[in-house]
Amino acid sequence: MSTHVRTALISTAGHCKVACGFCFRADRAHGFLNTPTYTRTLSRLKETGVDGVCLTGGEPTHHPQLRQLVRLAHQFGMSVSMVTSARTVTDVIALSHVADLLVNVTVSADSRGAMLLGRTTRTAATGIDTLRAISTETKILHVTCWDLSDSECRSLAGLVTEARVGVQFSPVVLDEHALRRDGMPVQEYLARQWLDAEVLGHYFDLSDRYRDYLDELRNLQLSAEGERRQCRSATAYVSADGLIRRCPYGQASVNVLAPRAEIGRFLTDPAQERVTPDCAAICRPSATPDDREAPCSVPA
């Protein structure tokens, strides 16, 4: 069954200085998405019914023509959101220059355990500082979680309540290579995801969807590749070199320079890829086509 592609995740920059140890990006390279390629991408996506784009990276605030990218999407009648790890003064200034043109901004952060595992410094507090510095109406802190403590969750709940920002959570997602590298048994890894959800549930109203998502990750981790179901994501992925995929990890792609009919067929034909834990971390495949990602709330 075909799922109509409604949105596109666009990698504006092929590199990122954060370099998380648990990063699940499908493509990593140097350089930026150039404006002519991006403009052609928007045109072809619009022709197939895409009405919104999310700028990501690498790190989108490093793109030298960031404001132009946002304005071009508006000219095609598309809403624009952004996912960023902006922390430095330069990055936050670049973000602030486009913030009023974005429907929402999601700033990535990591729990203490995730920072240790991934060798990052993206604290929740510095992420909230970034969100406070911009004028976007909808602001979301996205926290990648690992080995949470009760005190950390209590502190996080206080931070987001005081700052009046939304919060989303994702567990650290590790592939088989990373599990072997860290010497971590699969069952221990999966149990940690559920233990973290239990601690989060003391301070945040986690949706049933989040628990369904953990179930799906468990099933994907334990099932053979041939048993996994086919992708039904409503989001296309555009890499910084101008390749459109139905899945960031898929082998099938079409270049934005291809004829419009070829691009149209690619985006409207059923996706052939099977869901993996990596792509599930991006697309949340348990969601129904009409289900939107929503922030968790802190109980009153």
Protein backbone atom coordinates (compact mmCIF):
# COMPACT_ATOMS: atom_id res chain seq x y z
CA MET A 1 0.00 0.00 0.00
CA SER A 2 1.32 3.42 -0.91
CA THR A 3 1.58 6.18 1.69
CA HIS A 4 1.29 9.70 0.36
CA VAL A 5 4.45 11.70 1.06
CA ARG A 6 3.43 14.88 2.92
CA THR A 7 6.72 16.21 4.27
CA ALA A 8 10.43 16.08 3.53
CA LEU A 9 13.44 15.96 5.81
CA ILE A 10 16.18 17.93 4.04
CA SER A 11 19.85 17.64 4.96
CA THR A 12 21.24 21.12 4.35
CA ALA A 13 24.76 20.29 5.52
CA GLY A 14 26.65 17.05 5.24
CA HIS A 15 28.71 17.51 8.40
CA CYS A 16 28.16 18.17 12.09
CA LYS A 17 30.73 19.13 14.72
CA VAL A 18 28.83 17.33 17.50
CA ALA A 19 29.64 13.88 16.02
CA CYS A 20 27.54 11.86 18.49
CA GLY A 21 28.86 8.38 19.19
CA PHE A 22 25.31 7.02 18.72
CA CYS A 23 24.47 9.17 15.67
CA PHE A 24 22.14 7.32 13.29
CA ARG A 25 22.48 9.67 10.33
CA ALA A 26 22.45 7.73 7.09
CA ASP A 27 24.89 9.98 5.22
CA ARG A 28 27.90 11.95 6.40
CA ALA A 29 30.00 14.15 4.13
CA HIS A 30 31.48 17.60 3.84
CA GLY A 31 29.79 20.43 1.99
CA PHE A 32 26.37 22.05 1.79
CA LEU A 33 23.20 21.58 -0.22
CA ASN A 34 23.53 24.17 -2.99
CA THR A 35 20.71 26.59 -3.72
CA PRO A 36 19.92 25.51 -7.34
CA THR A 37 19.64 21.86 -6.26
CA TYR A 38 17.50 22.85 -3.28
CA THR A 39 15.19 25.01 -5.43
CA ARG A 40 14.67 22.19 -7.92
CA THR A 41 14.01 19.83 -5.01
CA LEU A 42 11.29 22.10 -3.63
CA SER A 43 9.66 22.35 -7.05
CA ARG A 44 9.55 18.59 -7.55
CA LEU A 45 8.35 17.92 -4.01
CA LYS A 46 5.58 20.50 -4.36
CA GLU A 47 4.37 18.83 -7.56
CA THR A 48 3.81 15.59 -5.66
CA GLY A 49 1.87 17.23 -2.82
CA VAL A 50 4.55 17.85 -0.20
CA ASP A 51 3.44 20.80 1.93
CA GLY A 52 6.17 21.08 4.56
CA VAL A 53 9.92 20.66 4.93
CA CYS A 54 12.17 20.18 7.94
CA LEU A 55 15.71 21.48 7.63
CA THR A 56 18.30 19.34 9.33
CA GLY A 57 21.93 18.39 8.84
CA GLY A 58 24.54 17.87 9.86
CA GLU A 59 23.91 21.24 11.42
CA PRO A 60 21.57 23.54 9.43
CA THR A 61 22.74 26.74 11.14
CA HIS A 62 26.13 26.25 9.45
CA HIS A 63 24.62 26.72 5.99
CA PRO A 64 25.80 30.08 4.58
CA GLN A 65 22.45 30.75 2.86
CA LEU A 66 20.14 29.52 5.60
CA ARG A 67 17.68 32.42 5.44
CA GLN A 68 17.44 32.05 1.68
CA LEU A 69 16.63 28.34 2.07
CA VAL A 70 13.76 29.16 4.40
CA ARG A 71 12.39 31.92 2.19
CA LEU A 72 12.54 29.75 -0.91
CA ALA A 73 10.40 27.10 0.79
CA HIS A 74 7.87 29.80 1.69
CA GLN A 75 7.77 30.91 -1.94
CA PHE A 76 6.67 27.38 -2.83
CA GLY A 77 3.93 27.58 -0.21
CA MET A 78 5.60 25.19 2.21
CA SER A 79 5.87 25.43 5.97
CA VAL A 80 9.38 25.17 7.36
CA SER A 81 10.63 23.67 10.62
CA MET A 82 14.14 22.92 11.83
CA VAL A 83 16.02 20.41 13.96
CA THR A 84 19.28 21.78 15.32
CA SER A 85 21.97 21.30 17.94
CA ALA A 86 22.83 25.03 17.92
CA ARG A 87 24.76 26.03 21.04
CA THR A 88 27.58 28.40 20.07
CA VAL A 89 26.98 32.14 19.83
CA THR A 90 27.47 32.01 16.05
CA ASP A 91 25.01 29.14 15.63
CA VAL A 92 22.35 30.72 17.84
CA ILE A 93 22.64 34.05 16.01
CA ALA A 94 22.19 32.26 12.67
CA LEU A 95 19.13 30.48 14.09
CA SER A 96 17.66 33.70 15.48
CA HIS A 97 17.84 35.31 12.01
CA VAL A 98 15.34 32.77 10.63
CA ALA A 99 13.41 31.84 13.79
CA ASP A 100 10.43 34.09 13.01
CA LEU A 101 10.00 32.28 9.66
CA LEU A 102 9.82 28.78 11.17
CA VAL A 103 6.67 27.01 12.37
CA ASN A 104 8.71 25.24 15.02
CA VAL A 105 12.27 24.68 16.15
CA THR A 106 13.44 21.47 17.80
CA VAL A 107 16.72 21.68 19.69
CA SER A 108 18.47 18.38 20.34
CA ALA A 109 19.85 17.51 23.78
CA ASP A 110 21.12 14.40 25.54
CA SER A 111 20.66 12.98 29.01
CA ARG A 112 23.78 12.58 31.15
CA GLY A 113 24.04 8.90 30.31
CA ALA A 114 23.56 9.62 26.61
CA MET A 115 26.26 12.31 26.72
CA LEU A 116 28.65 9.82 28.27
CA LEU A 117 27.75 7.11 25.76
CA GLY A 118 27.89 9.42 22.74
CA ARG A 119 30.71 11.70 23.94
CA THR A 120 28.59 14.84 23.52
CA THR A 121 28.02 18.03 25.51
CA ARG A 122 24.44 18.78 24.43
CA THR A 123 22.89 19.33 27.84
CA ALA A 124 19.20 20.04 28.30
CA ALA A 125 20.02 23.33 30.04
CA THR A 126 22.05 24.66 27.11
CA GLY A 127 19.34 23.49 24.70
CA ILE A 128 16.76 25.48 26.63
CA ASP A 129 19.09 28.50 26.56
CA THR A 130 19.04 28.26 22.76
CA LEU A 131 15.24 28.04 22.69
CA ARG A 132 14.93 31.06 24.98
CA ALA A 133 17.06 33.11 22.58
CA ILE A 134 14.73 32.70 19.58
CA SER A 135 11.27 34.00 18.69
CA THR A 136 9.68 30.92 17.12
CA GLU A 137 6.19 30.31 18.49
CA THR A 138 6.57 26.54 18.94
CA LYS A 139 9.77 25.49 20.69
CA ILE A 140 10.61 21.89 21.47
CA LEU A 141 13.48 20.35 23.40
CA HIS A 142 14.22 16.85 22.12
CA VAL A 143 16.11 14.72 24.64
CA THR A 144 17.88 11.51 23.67
CA CYS A 145 17.71 9.32 26.77
CA TRP A 146 19.99 6.73 28.30
CA ASP A 147 20.46 5.58 31.89
CA LEU A 148 18.18 8.21 33.43
CA SER A 149 18.05 8.93 37.15
CA ASP A 150 15.09 10.17 39.15
CA SER A 151 16.88 13.39 40.09
CA GLU A 152 17.80 14.12 36.47
CA CYS A 153 14.20 13.71 35.34
CA ARG A 154 12.93 15.89 38.18
CA SER A 155 15.42 18.61 37.23
CA LEU A 156 14.48 18.34 33.56
CA ALA A 157 10.78 18.70 34.37
CA GLY A 158 11.55 21.87 36.29
CA LEU A 159 13.60 23.29 33.41
CA VAL A 160 10.97 22.80 30.71
CA THR A 161 8.16 24.03 32.96
CA GLU A 162 10.03 27.22 33.80
CA ALA A 163 11.03 27.82 30.16
CA ARG A 164 7.54 26.93 28.84
CA VAL A 165 8.85 24.78 26.02
CA GLY A 166 7.63 21.44 24.74
CA VAL A 167 9.69 18.32 25.30
CA GLN A 168 10.06 15.10 23.32
CA PHE A 169 12.03 11.99 24.18
CA SER A 170 13.80 9.29 22.22
CA PRO A 171 15.80 6.38 23.55
CA VAL A 172 19.36 5.91 22.37
CA VAL A 173 19.20 3.60 19.35
CA LEU A 174 22.22 1.36 18.83
CA ASP A 175 22.80 -0.97 15.90
CA GLU A 176 24.40 -4.40 16.17
CA HIS A 177 27.88 -2.99 15.50
CA ALA A 178 27.55 -0.42 18.30
CA LEU A 179 26.25 -3.06 20.72
CA ARG A 180 29.24 -5.28 20.00
CA ARG A 181 31.61 -2.32 20.28
CA ASP A 182 30.24 -1.41 23.72
CA GLY A 183 30.01 -5.03 24.85
CA MET A 184 26.32 -4.63 25.61
CA PRO A 185 23.91 -7.62 25.45
CA VAL A 186 20.77 -6.92 23.41
CA GLN A 187 18.43 -7.78 26.29
CA GLU A 188 20.25 -5.38 28.64
CA TYR A 189 20.02 -2.63 26.02
CA LEU A 190 16.28 -3.17 25.49
CA ALA A 191 15.62 -3.36 29.23
CA ARG A 192 17.39 -0.02 29.73
CA GLN A 193 15.02 1.67 27.27
CA TRP A 194 12.02 0.53 29.31
CA LEU A 195 13.60 1.43 32.65
CA ASP A 196 14.24 4.93 31.34
CA ALA A 197 10.61 5.20 30.22
CA GLU A 198 9.47 4.17 33.69
CA VAL A 199 11.55 6.93 35.32
CA LEU A 200 10.36 9.50 32.77
CA GLY A 201 6.78 8.51 33.52
CA HIS A 202 7.14 9.78 37.09
CA TYR A 203 7.54 13.35 35.84
CA PHE A 204 6.09 13.47 32.32
CA ASP A 205 2.84 12.30 30.73
CA LEU A 206 4.29 9.80 28.25
CA SER A 207 1.81 8.87 25.55
CA ASP A 208 0.79 5.31 24.65
CA ARG A 209 2.47 6.03 21.34
CA TYR A 210 5.85 6.31 23.04
CA ARG A 211 5.43 2.90 24.68
CA ASP A 212 4.21 1.45 21.38
CA TYR A 213 7.36 2.87 19.82
CA LEU A 214 9.53 1.05 22.39
CA ASP A 215 7.65 -2.15 21.62
CA GLU A 216 8.33 -1.64 17.94
CA LEU A 217 12.03 -1.03 18.52
CA ARG A 218 12.20 -4.25 20.55
CA ASN A 219 10.45 -6.23 17.83
CA LEU A 220 12.71 -4.77 15.15
CA GLN A 221 15.84 -5.53 17.17
CA LEU A 222 14.84 -9.16 17.72
CA SER A 223 13.34 -9.97 14.32
CA ALA A 224 15.16 -11.08 11.19
CA GLU A 225 15.38 -8.49 8.43
CA GLY A 226 13.07 -10.47 6.15
CA GLU A 227 10.35 -10.47 8.83
CA ARG A 228 10.24 -6.67 9.11
CA ARG A 229 7.39 -4.87 7.46
CA GLN A 230 7.74 -2.44 4.60
CA CYS A 231 8.16 1.28 5.17
CA ARG A 232 4.99 3.37 5.34
CA SER A 233 6.57 6.70 6.25
CA ALA A 234 4.90 9.85 4.93
CA THR A 235 8.25 11.68 4.98
CA ALA A 236 10.77 11.72 2.15
CA TYR A 237 14.48 12.32 2.77
CA VAL A 238 16.74 14.58 0.71
CA SER A 239 20.49 14.30 1.22
CA ALA A 240 22.90 17.23 0.93
CA ASP A 241 24.06 15.93 -2.46
CA GLY A 242 20.53 16.11 -3.90
CA LEU A 243 19.34 12.50 -3.73
CA ILE A 244 15.72 11.84 -2.75
CA ARG A 245 14.95 8.65 -0.83
CA ARG A 246 11.80 7.27 0.70
CA CYS A 247 13.98 6.12 3.60
CA PRO A 248 17.28 7.69 4.73
CA TYR A 249 18.78 4.19 4.85
CA GLY A 250 17.22 2.91 1.63
CA GLN A 251 19.25 1.91 -1.39
CA ALA A 252 16.68 3.20 -3.86
CA SER A 253 16.92 6.89 -4.69
CA VAL A 254 16.25 9.41 -7.43
CA ASN A 255 18.34 12.46 -8.23
CA VAL A 256 16.56 15.81 -8.13
CA LEU A 257 17.99 16.42 -11.64
CA ALA A 258 16.00 13.45 -13.01
CA PRO A 259 12.91 14.14 -15.16
CA ARG A 260 9.88 15.23 -13.13
CA ALA A 261 7.87 12.16 -14.20
CA GLU A 262 10.56 9.86 -12.80
CA ILE A 263 10.65 11.76 -9.52
CA GLY A 264 6.87 11.74 -9.33
CA ARG A 265 6.72 7.96 -9.79
CA PHE A 266 9.41 7.45 -7.18
CA LEU A 267 7.52 9.48 -4.58
CA THR A 268 4.09 8.02 -5.30
CA ASP A 269 4.96 4.35 -5.79
CA PRO A 270 4.94 2.19 -2.62
CA ALA A 271 8.26 2.26 -0.74
CA GLN A 272 10.24 -0.98 -1.03
CA GLU A 273 12.46 -0.66 2.05
CA ARG A 274 11.82 -2.62 5.22
CA VAL A 275 11.80 -0.81 8.56
CA THR A 276 15.00 -1.01 10.62
CA PRO A 277 15.75 0.24 14.16
CA ASP A 278 17.78 3.12 12.70
CA CYS A 279 15.08 4.46 10.43
CA ALA A 280 12.44 3.82 13.11
CA ALA A 281 14.31 6.30 15.30
CA ILE A 282 13.72 8.98 12.65
CA CYS A 283 10.28 8.12 11.31
CA ARG A 284 8.48 6.56 14.29
CA PRO A 285 6.76 3.94 12.06
CA SER A 286 4.10 3.06 14.62
CA ALA A 287 2.36 6.34 13.82
CA THR A 288 -0.72 6.29 11.67
CA PRO A 289 -0.59 8.52 8.55
CA ASP A 290 -2.61 11.23 10.32
CA ASP A 291 -0.75 11.10 13.63
CA ARG A 292 1.50 14.07 14.37
CA GLU A 293 4.45 13.98 16.73
CA ALA A 294 3.44 15.85 19.90
CA PRO A 295 5.49 17.00 22.85
CA CYS A 296 5.09 15.30 26.20
CA SER A 297 3.61 17.34 29.02
CA VAL A 298 4.59 17.84 32.62
CA PRO A 299 1.75 17.01 35.05
CA ALA A 300 0.38 20.04 36.89
